[in-house]
Structures are given as C-alpha cells and as structure tokens.
Amino acid sequence: MEYDARQDVYICKNQKQLKVTGIRKSKSKTGYVSEKTLYSCEDCKECLFKTSCIKGNNSKIPMEERSKHLEVSKLFQ
C-alpha cells in the first residue's frame, strides 16, 4: 500500500483510502507504552482485491461484510 504523509492516509490497490480511525495505546509487562495508529478503509464492497488484501479466515464476519483495517506504529515505521 502507498502512504500519503500529507493526508495521513494509505491508498490500497483499488485506489481507496484507509483513513485514521483512532489511536491505540498498550502497556507491556515491563511498563513500555506503545502507540499504534488505526486505519480503516472507506469502502471495501465489491473490491476485486478483497480476498488477497484482508487476511484471517477465522472471522465470524462474512468476507462480503468485512473491510480492511491496519495498525501502524509510526515510531518504528
């Protein structure tokens, strides 16, 4: 996926934008706090690349209803 730093969005193969939907902070056992930026696709319906883009066959949500989500640690990118 391409990243557009100016808009802070990822662009998928189908030219759809994955926009920021939130930030997740987690704390390890040693006390280190990591921060990940959460991105979600605007619309994955009828996407030709959906089965190769979205991983995880164990989801209870049917593939037709799923959309791409991404977690990125900008510190370690």
PDB file of N, CA and C in Angstrom:
ATOM      1  N   MET A   1       0.834  -1.192   0.000  1.00  0.00           N
ATOM      2  CA  MET A   1       0.000   0.000   0.000  1.00  0.00           C
ATOM      3  C   MET A   1       0.874   1.250   0.000  1.00  0.00           C
ATOM      4  N   GLU A   2       0.386   2.238  -0.670  1.00  0.00           N
ATOM      5  CA  GLU A   2       1.081   3.522  -0.685  1.00  0.00           C
ATOM      6  C   GLU A   2       0.642   4.347   0.522  1.00  0.00           C
ATOM      7  N   TYR A   3       1.571   5.149   1.038  1.00  0.00           N
ATOM      8  CA  TYR A   3       1.249   6.026   2.161  1.00  0.00           C
ATOM      9  C   TYR A   3       1.371   7.470   1.705  1.00  0.00           C
ATOM     10  N   ASP A   4       0.348   8.267   1.989  1.00  0.00           N
ATOM     11  CA  ASP A   4       0.349   9.703   1.693  1.00  0.00           C
ATOM     12  C   ASP A   4       0.523  10.434   3.019  1.00  0.00           C
ATOM     13  N   ALA A   5       1.745  10.870   3.291  1.00  0.00           N
ATOM     14  CA  ALA A   5       2.059  11.516   4.574  1.00  0.00           C
ATOM     15  C   ALA A   5       1.338  12.852   4.732  1.00  0.00           C
ATOM     16  N   ARG A   6       1.119  13.543   3.643  1.00  0.00           N
ATOM     17  CA  ARG A   6       0.454  14.849   3.715  1.00  0.00           C
ATOM     18  C   ARG A   6      -0.964  14.720   4.263  1.00  0.00           C
ATOM     19  N   GLN A   7      -1.678  13.689   3.812  1.00  0.00           N
ATOM     20  CA  GLN A   7      -3.059  13.477   4.258  1.00  0.00           C
ATOM     21  C   GLN A   7      -3.164  12.451   5.382  1.00  0.00           C
ATOM     22  N   ASP A   8      -2.055  11.763   5.686  1.00  0.00           N
ATOM     23  CA  ASP A   8      -2.012  10.690   6.678  1.00  0.00           C
ATOM     24  C   ASP A   8      -3.038   9.605   6.345  1.00  0.00           C
ATOM     25  N   VAL A   9      -2.953   9.103   5.106  1.00  0.00           N
ATOM     26  CA  VAL A   9      -3.825   8.021   4.644  1.00  0.00           C
ATOM     27  C   VAL A   9      -2.995   7.001   3.860  1.00  0.00           C
ATOM     28  N   TYR A  10      -3.476   5.766   3.835  1.00  0.00           N
ATOM     29  CA  TYR A  10      -2.909   4.729   2.981  1.00  0.00           C
ATOM     30  C   TYR A  10      -3.847   4.567   1.796  1.00  0.00           C
ATOM     31  N   ILE A  11      -3.272   4.244   0.631  1.00  0.00           N
ATOM     32  CA  ILE A  11      -4.050   4.038  -0.583  1.00  0.00           C
ATOM     33  C   ILE A  11      -3.880   2.567  -0.987  1.00  0.00           C
ATOM     34  N   CYS A  12      -4.991   1.851  -1.127  1.00  0.00           N
ATOM     35  CA  CYS A  12      -4.932   0.428  -1.472  1.00  0.00           C
ATOM     36  C   CYS A  12      -4.851   0.242  -2.988  1.00  0.00           C
ATOM     37  N   LYS A  13      -4.746  -1.011  -3.420  1.00  0.00           N
ATOM     38  CA  LYS A  13      -4.666  -1.334  -4.854  1.00  0.00           C
ATOM     39  C   LYS A  13      -5.889  -0.868  -5.621  1.00  0.00           C
ATOM     40  N   ASN A  14      -7.019  -0.789  -4.943  1.00  0.00           N
ATOM     41  CA  ASN A  14      -8.274  -0.388  -5.573  1.00  0.00           C
ATOM     42  C   ASN A  14      -8.478   1.127  -5.498  1.00  0.00           C
ATOM     43  N   GLN A  15      -7.415   1.853  -5.122  1.00  0.00           N
ATOM     44  CA  GLN A  15      -7.418   3.321  -5.011  1.00  0.00           C
ATOM     45  C   GLN A  15      -8.388   3.858  -3.960  1.00  0.00           C
ATOM     46  N   LYS A  16      -8.670   3.060  -2.937  1.00  0.00           N
ATOM     47  CA  LYS A  16      -9.497   3.502  -1.817  1.00  0.00           C
ATOM     48  C   LYS A  16      -8.579   3.986  -0.698  1.00  0.00           C
ATOM     49  N   GLN A  17      -9.065   4.910   0.097  1.00  0.00           N
ATOM     50  CA  GLN A  17      -8.270   5.462   1.195  1.00  0.00           C
ATOM     51  C   GLN A  17      -8.558   4.740   2.499  1.00  0.00           C
ATOM     52  N   LEU A  18      -7.486   4.469   3.244  1.00  0.00           N
ATOM     53  CA  LEU A  18      -7.601   3.974   4.610  1.00  0.00           C
ATOM     54  C   LEU A  18      -7.284   5.165   5.501  1.00  0.00           C
ATOM     55  N   LYS A  19      -8.302   5.663   6.182  1.00  0.00           N
ATOM     56  CA  LYS A  19      -8.167   6.875   6.992  1.00  0.00           C
ATOM     57  C   LYS A  19      -7.995   6.532   8.465  1.00  0.00           C
ATOM     58  N   VAL A  20      -7.431   7.464   9.215  1.00  0.00           N
ATOM     59  CA  VAL A  20      -7.218   7.283  10.649  1.00  0.00           C
ATOM     60  C   VAL A  20      -8.565   7.193  11.359  1.00  0.00           C
ATOM     61  N   THR A  21      -8.720   6.136  12.159  1.00  0.00           N
ATOM     62  CA  THR A  21      -9.954   5.967  12.926  1.00  0.00           C
ATOM     63  C   THR A  21      -9.706   6.027  14.429  1.00  0.00           C
ATOM     64  N   GLY A  22      -8.435   6.079  14.817  1.00  0.00           N
ATOM     65  CA  GLY A  22      -8.142   6.163  16.238  1.00  0.00           C
ATOM     66  C   GLY A  22      -6.688   5.861  16.542  1.00  0.00           C
ATOM     67  N   ILE A  23      -6.365   5.895  17.818  1.00  0.00           N
ATOM     68  CA  ILE A  23      -5.023   5.577  18.303  1.00  0.00           C
ATOM     69  C   ILE A  23      -5.171   4.602  19.455  1.00  0.00           C
ATOM     70  N   ARG A  24      -4.368   3.539  19.426  1.00  0.00           N
ATOM     71  CA  ARG A  24      -4.413   2.524  20.486  1.00  0.00           C
ATOM     72  C   ARG A  24      -3.093   2.553  21.241  1.00  0.00           C
ATOM     73  N   LYS A  25      -3.197   2.695  22.553  1.00  0.00           N
ATOM     74  CA  LYS A  25      -2.011   2.641  23.406  1.00  0.00           C
ATOM     75  C   LYS A  25      -2.064   1.356  24.208  1.00  0.00           C
ATOM     76  N   SER A  26      -0.918   0.703  24.309  1.00  0.00           N
ATOM     77  CA  SER A  26      -0.856  -0.509  25.119  1.00  0.00           C
ATOM     78  C   SER A  26       0.427  -0.483  25.942  1.00  0.00           C
ATOM     79  N   LYS A  27       0.364  -1.129  27.088  1.00  0.00           N
ATOM     80  CA  LYS A  27       1.487  -1.135  28.015  1.00  0.00           C
ATOM     81  C   LYS A  27       1.983  -2.565  28.178  1.00  0.00           C
ATOM     82  N   SER A  28       3.288  -2.758  28.018  1.00  0.00           N
ATOM     83  CA  SER A  28       3.866  -4.087  28.146  1.00  0.00           C
ATOM     84  C   SER A  28       4.093  -4.426  29.619  1.00  0.00           C
ATOM     85  N   LYS A  29       4.495  -5.658  29.866  1.00  0.00           N
ATOM     86  CA  LYS A  29       4.769  -6.093  31.236  1.00  0.00           C
ATOM     87  C   LYS A  29       5.909  -5.296  31.865  1.00  0.00           C
ATOM     88  N   THR A  30       6.824  -4.816  31.025  1.00  0.00           N
ATOM     89  CA  THR A  30       7.959  -4.043  31.531  1.00  0.00           C
ATOM     90  C   THR A  30       7.619  -2.568  31.735  1.00  0.00           C
ATOM     91  N   GLY A  31       6.419  -2.168  31.329  1.00  0.00           N
ATOM     92  CA  GLY A  31       5.978  -0.795  31.532  1.00  0.00           C
ATOM     93  C   GLY A  31       6.109   0.095  30.310  1.00  0.00           C
ATOM     94  N   TYR A  32       6.617  -0.439  29.205  1.00  0.00           N
ATOM     95  CA  TYR A  32       6.759   0.350  27.987  1.00  0.00           C
ATOM     96  C   TYR A  32       5.386   0.584  27.357  1.00  0.00           C
ATOM     97  N   VAL A  33       5.097   1.833  27.034  1.00  0.00           N
ATOM     98  CA  VAL A  33       3.815   2.184  26.412  1.00  0.00           C
ATOM     99  C   VAL A  33       4.043   2.371  24.917  1.00  0.00           C
ATOM    100  N   SER A  34       3.355   1.560  24.117  1.00  0.00           N
ATOM    101  CA  SER A  34       3.444   1.692  22.660  1.00  0.00           C
ATOM    102  C   SER A  34       2.164   2.330  22.139  1.00  0.00           C
ATOM    103  N   GLU A  35       2.311   3.009  21.013  1.00  0.00           N
ATOM    104  CA  GLU A  35       1.175   3.705  20.419  1.00  0.00           C
ATOM    105  C   GLU A  35       1.058   3.299  18.956  1.00  0.00           C
ATOM    106  N   LYS A  36      -0.135   2.852  18.563  1.00  0.00           N
ATOM    107  CA  LYS A  36      -0.402   2.465  17.184  1.00  0.00           C
ATOM    108  C   LYS A  36      -1.546   3.313  16.643  1.00  0.00           C
ATOM    109  N   THR A  37      -1.387   3.751  15.415  1.00  0.00           N
ATOM    110  CA  THR A  37      -2.438   4.492  14.726  1.00  0.00           C
ATOM    111  C   THR A  37      -3.295   3.488  13.972  1.00  0.00           C
ATOM    112  N   LEU A  38      -4.609   3.600  14.125  1.00  0.00           N
ATOM    113  CA  LEU A  38      -5.553   2.681  13.493  1.00  0.00           C
ATOM    114  C   LEU A  38      -6.115   3.309  12.220  1.00  0.00           C
ATOM    115  N   TYR A  39      -6.099   2.537  11.140  1.00  0.00           N
ATOM    116  CA  TYR A  39      -6.630   2.978   9.852  1.00  0.00           C
ATOM    117  C   TYR A  39      -7.705   2.002   9.401  1.00  0.00           C
ATOM    118  N   SER A  40      -8.755   2.517   8.761  1.00  0.00           N
ATOM    119  CA  SER A  40      -9.815   1.676   8.200  1.00  0.00           C
ATOM    120  C   SER A  40     -10.150   2.157   6.801  1.00  0.00           C
ATOM    121  N   CYS A  41     -10.507   1.201   5.951  1.00  0.00           N
ATOM    122  CA  CYS A  41     -10.854   1.526   4.574  1.00  0.00           C
ATOM    123  C   CYS A  41     -12.241   2.164   4.512  1.00  0.00           C
ATOM    124  N   GLU A  42     -12.395   3.100   3.614  1.00  0.00           N
ATOM    125  CA  GLU A  42     -13.673   3.796   3.459  1.00  0.00           C
ATOM    126  C   GLU A  42     -14.753   2.887   2.888  1.00  0.00           C
ATOM    127  N   ASP A  43     -14.366   1.981   1.979  1.00  0.00           N
ATOM    128  CA  ASP A  43     -15.366   1.112   1.358  1.00  0.00           C
ATOM    129  C   ASP A  43     -14.679  -0.052   0.648  1.00  0.00           C
ATOM    130  N   CYS A  44     -14.898  -1.258   1.137  1.00  0.00           N
ATOM    131  CA  CYS A  44     -14.300  -2.450   0.519  1.00  0.00           C
ATOM    132  C   CYS A  44     -15.326  -3.278  -0.250  1.00  0.00           C
ATOM    133  N   LYS A  45     -16.543  -2.798  -0.362  1.00  0.00           N
ATOM    134  CA  LYS A  45     -17.573  -3.546  -1.073  1.00  0.00           C
ATOM    135  C   LYS A  45     -17.205  -3.686  -2.543  1.00  0.00           C
ATOM    136  N   GLU A  46     -17.416  -4.880  -3.071  1.00  0.00           N
ATOM    137  CA  GLU A  46     -17.177  -5.185  -4.478  1.00  0.00           C
ATOM    138  C   GLU A  46     -15.733  -4.953  -4.916  1.00  0.00           C
ATOM    139  N   CYS A  47     -14.781  -5.036  -4.001  1.00  0.00           N
ATOM    140  CA  CYS A  47     -13.373  -4.875  -4.332  1.00  0.00           C
ATOM    141  C   CYS A  47     -12.827  -6.179  -4.903  1.00  0.00           C
ATOM    142  N   LEU A  48     -12.123  -6.090  -6.009  1.00  0.00           N
ATOM    143  CA  LEU A  48     -11.555  -7.258  -6.665  1.00  0.00           C
ATOM    144  C   LEU A  48     -10.371  -7.846  -5.895  1.00  0.00           C
ATOM    145  N   PHE A  49      -9.728  -7.050  -5.048  1.00  0.00           N
ATOM    146  CA  PHE A  49      -8.538  -7.470  -4.314  1.00  0.00           C
ATOM    147  C   PHE A  49      -8.843  -7.895  -2.882  1.00  0.00           C
ATOM    148  N   LYS A  50     -10.096  -7.930  -2.512  1.00  0.00           N
ATOM    149  CA  LYS A  50     -10.507  -8.152  -1.125  1.00  0.00           C
ATOM    150  C   LYS A  50      -9.940  -9.439  -0.521  1.00  0.00           C
ATOM    151  N   THR A  51     -10.024 -10.546  -1.221  1.00  0.00           N
ATOM    152  CA  THR A  51      -9.580 -11.819  -0.652  1.00  0.00           C
ATOM    153  C   THR A  51      -8.068 -11.875  -0.464  1.00  0.00           C
ATOM    154  N   SER A  52      -7.311 -11.159  -1.264  1.00  0.00           N
ATOM    155  CA  SER A  52      -5.857 -11.140  -1.074  1.00  0.00           C
ATOM    156  C   SER A  52      -5.427 -10.050  -0.098  1.00  0.00           C
ATOM    157  N   CYS A  53      -6.254  -9.058   0.109  1.00  0.00           N
ATOM    158  CA  CYS A  53      -5.926  -7.929   0.984  1.00  0.00           C
ATOM    159  C   CYS A  53      -6.294  -8.208   2.443  1.00  0.00           C
ATOM    160  N   ILE A  54      -7.482  -8.747   2.660  1.00  0.00           N
ATOM    161  CA  ILE A  54      -7.964  -8.994   4.025  1.00  0.00           C
ATOM    162  C   ILE A  54      -7.594 -10.411   4.431  1.00  0.00           C
ATOM    163  N   LYS A  55      -6.818 -10.525   5.485  1.00  0.00           N
ATOM    164  CA  LYS A  55      -6.347 -11.831   5.959  1.00  0.00           C
ATOM    165  C   LYS A  55      -7.213 -12.305   7.121  1.00  0.00           C
ATOM    166  N   GLY A  56      -7.098 -13.579   7.426  1.00  0.00           N
ATOM    167  CA  GLY A  56      -7.803 -14.149   8.567  1.00  0.00           C
ATOM    168  C   GLY A  56      -9.101 -14.820   8.167  1.00  0.00           C
ATOM    169  N   ASN A  57      -9.060 -16.119   7.998  1.00  0.00           N
ATOM    170  CA  ASN A  57     -10.254 -16.864   7.613  1.00  0.00           C
ATOM    171  C   ASN A  57     -11.086 -17.312   8.802  1.00  0.00           C
ATOM    172  N   ASN A  58     -10.630 -17.043  10.016  1.00  0.00           N
ATOM    173  CA  ASN A  58     -11.332 -17.498  11.214  1.00  0.00           C
ATOM    174  C   ASN A  58     -12.371 -16.492  11.721  1.00  0.00           C
ATOM    175  N   SER A  59     -12.572 -15.416  11.008  1.00  0.00           N
ATOM    176  CA  SER A  59     -13.524 -14.392  11.429  1.00  0.00           C
ATOM    177  C   SER A  59     -14.958 -14.893  11.264  1.00  0.00           C
ATOM    178  N   LYS A  60     -15.810 -14.513  12.197  1.00  0.00           N
ATOM    179  CA  LYS A  60     -17.230 -14.874  12.115  1.00  0.00           C
ATOM    180  C   LYS A  60     -17.987 -13.954  11.164  1.00  0.00           C
ATOM    181  N   ILE A  61     -17.367 -12.839  10.796  1.00  0.00           N
ATOM    182  CA  ILE A  61     -17.991 -11.897   9.864  1.00  0.00           C
ATOM    183  C   ILE A  61     -17.718 -12.380   8.442  1.00  0.00           C
ATOM    184  N   PRO A  62     -18.752 -12.528   7.622  1.00  0.00           N
ATOM    185  CA  PRO A  62     -18.541 -12.986   6.239  1.00  0.00           C
ATOM    186  C   PRO A  62     -17.645 -12.015   5.465  1.00  0.00           C
ATOM    187  N   MET A  63     -16.872 -12.551   4.533  1.00  0.00           N
ATOM    188  CA  MET A  63     -15.933 -11.735   3.751  1.00  0.00           C
ATOM    189  C   MET A  63     -16.630 -10.569   3.056  1.00  0.00           C
ATOM    190  N   GLU A  64     -17.850 -10.760   2.611  1.00  0.00           N
ATOM    191  CA  GLU A  64     -18.580  -9.697   1.913  1.00  0.00           C
ATOM    192  C   GLU A  64     -18.805  -8.471   2.793  1.00  0.00           C
ATOM    193  N   GLU A  65     -18.874  -8.664   4.113  1.00  0.00           N
ATOM    194  CA  GLU A  65     -19.172  -7.571   5.042  1.00  0.00           C
ATOM    195  C   GLU A  65     -17.925  -6.984   5.691  1.00  0.00           C
ATOM    196  N   ARG A  66     -16.768  -7.574   5.424  1.00  0.00           N
ATOM    197  CA  ARG A  66     -15.548  -7.119   6.070  1.00  0.00           C
ATOM    198  C   ARG A  66     -14.882  -5.979   5.305  1.00  0.00           C
ATOM    199  N   SER A  67     -14.082  -5.191   6.030  1.00  0.00           N
ATOM    200  CA  SER A  67     -13.295  -4.136   5.397  1.00  0.00           C
ATOM    201  C   SER A  67     -11.890  -4.159   5.988  1.00  0.00           C
ATOM    202  N   LYS A  68     -10.964  -3.554   5.277  1.00  0.00           N
ATOM    203  CA  LYS A  68      -9.551  -3.577   5.661  1.00  0.00           C
ATOM    204  C   LYS A  68      -9.292  -2.649   6.838  1.00  0.00           C
ATOM    205  N   HIS A  69      -8.555  -3.172   7.832  1.00  0.00           N
ATOM    206  CA  HIS A  69      -8.112  -2.391   8.980  1.00  0.00           C
ATOM    207  C   HIS A  69      -6.606  -2.568   9.092  1.00  0.00           C
ATOM    208  N   LEU A  70      -5.943  -1.532   9.551  1.00  0.00           N
ATOM    209  CA  LEU A  70      -4.492  -1.525   9.626  1.00  0.00           C
ATOM    210  C   LEU A  70      -4.073  -0.856  10.930  1.00  0.00           C
ATOM    211  N   GLU A  71      -3.046  -1.407  11.586  1.00  0.00           N
ATOM    212  CA  GLU A  71      -2.467  -0.787  12.779  1.00  0.00           C
ATOM    213  C   GLU A  71      -1.010  -0.499  12.482  1.00  0.00           C
ATOM    214  N   VAL A  72      -0.602   0.753  12.681  1.00  0.00           N
ATOM    215  CA  VAL A  72       0.769   1.160  12.345  1.00  0.00           C
ATOM    216  C   VAL A  72       1.402   1.875  13.525  1.00  0.00           C
ATOM    217  N   SER A  73       2.597   1.433  13.880  1.00  0.00           N
ATOM    218  CA  SER A  73       3.383   2.137  14.885  1.00  0.00           C
ATOM    219  C   SER A  73       4.269   3.130  14.151  1.00  0.00           C
ATOM    220  N   LYS A  74       3.959   4.395  14.231  1.00  0.00           N
ATOM    221  CA  LYS A  74       4.701   5.405  13.488  1.00  0.00           C
ATOM    222  C   LYS A  74       6.118   5.579  14.037  1.00  0.00           C
ATOM    223  N   LEU A  75       6.312   5.242  15.304  1.00  0.00           N
ATOM    224  CA  LEU A  75       7.635   5.339  15.914  1.00  0.00           C
ATOM    225  C   LEU A  75       8.606   4.354  15.276  1.00  0.00           C
ATOM    226  N   PHE A  76       8.147   3.143  14.975  1.00  0.00           N
ATOM    227  CA  PHE A  76       9.006   2.102  14.437  1.00  0.00           C
ATOM    228  C   PHE A  76       8.866   1.908  12.937  1.00  0.00           C
ATOM    229  N   GLN A  77       8.182   2.792  12.273  1.00  0.00           N
ATOM    230  CA  GLN A  77       7.953   2.645  10.845  1.00  0.00           C
ATOM    231  C   GLN A  77       9.222   2.929  10.058  1.00  0.00           C
TER     232      GLN A  77
END
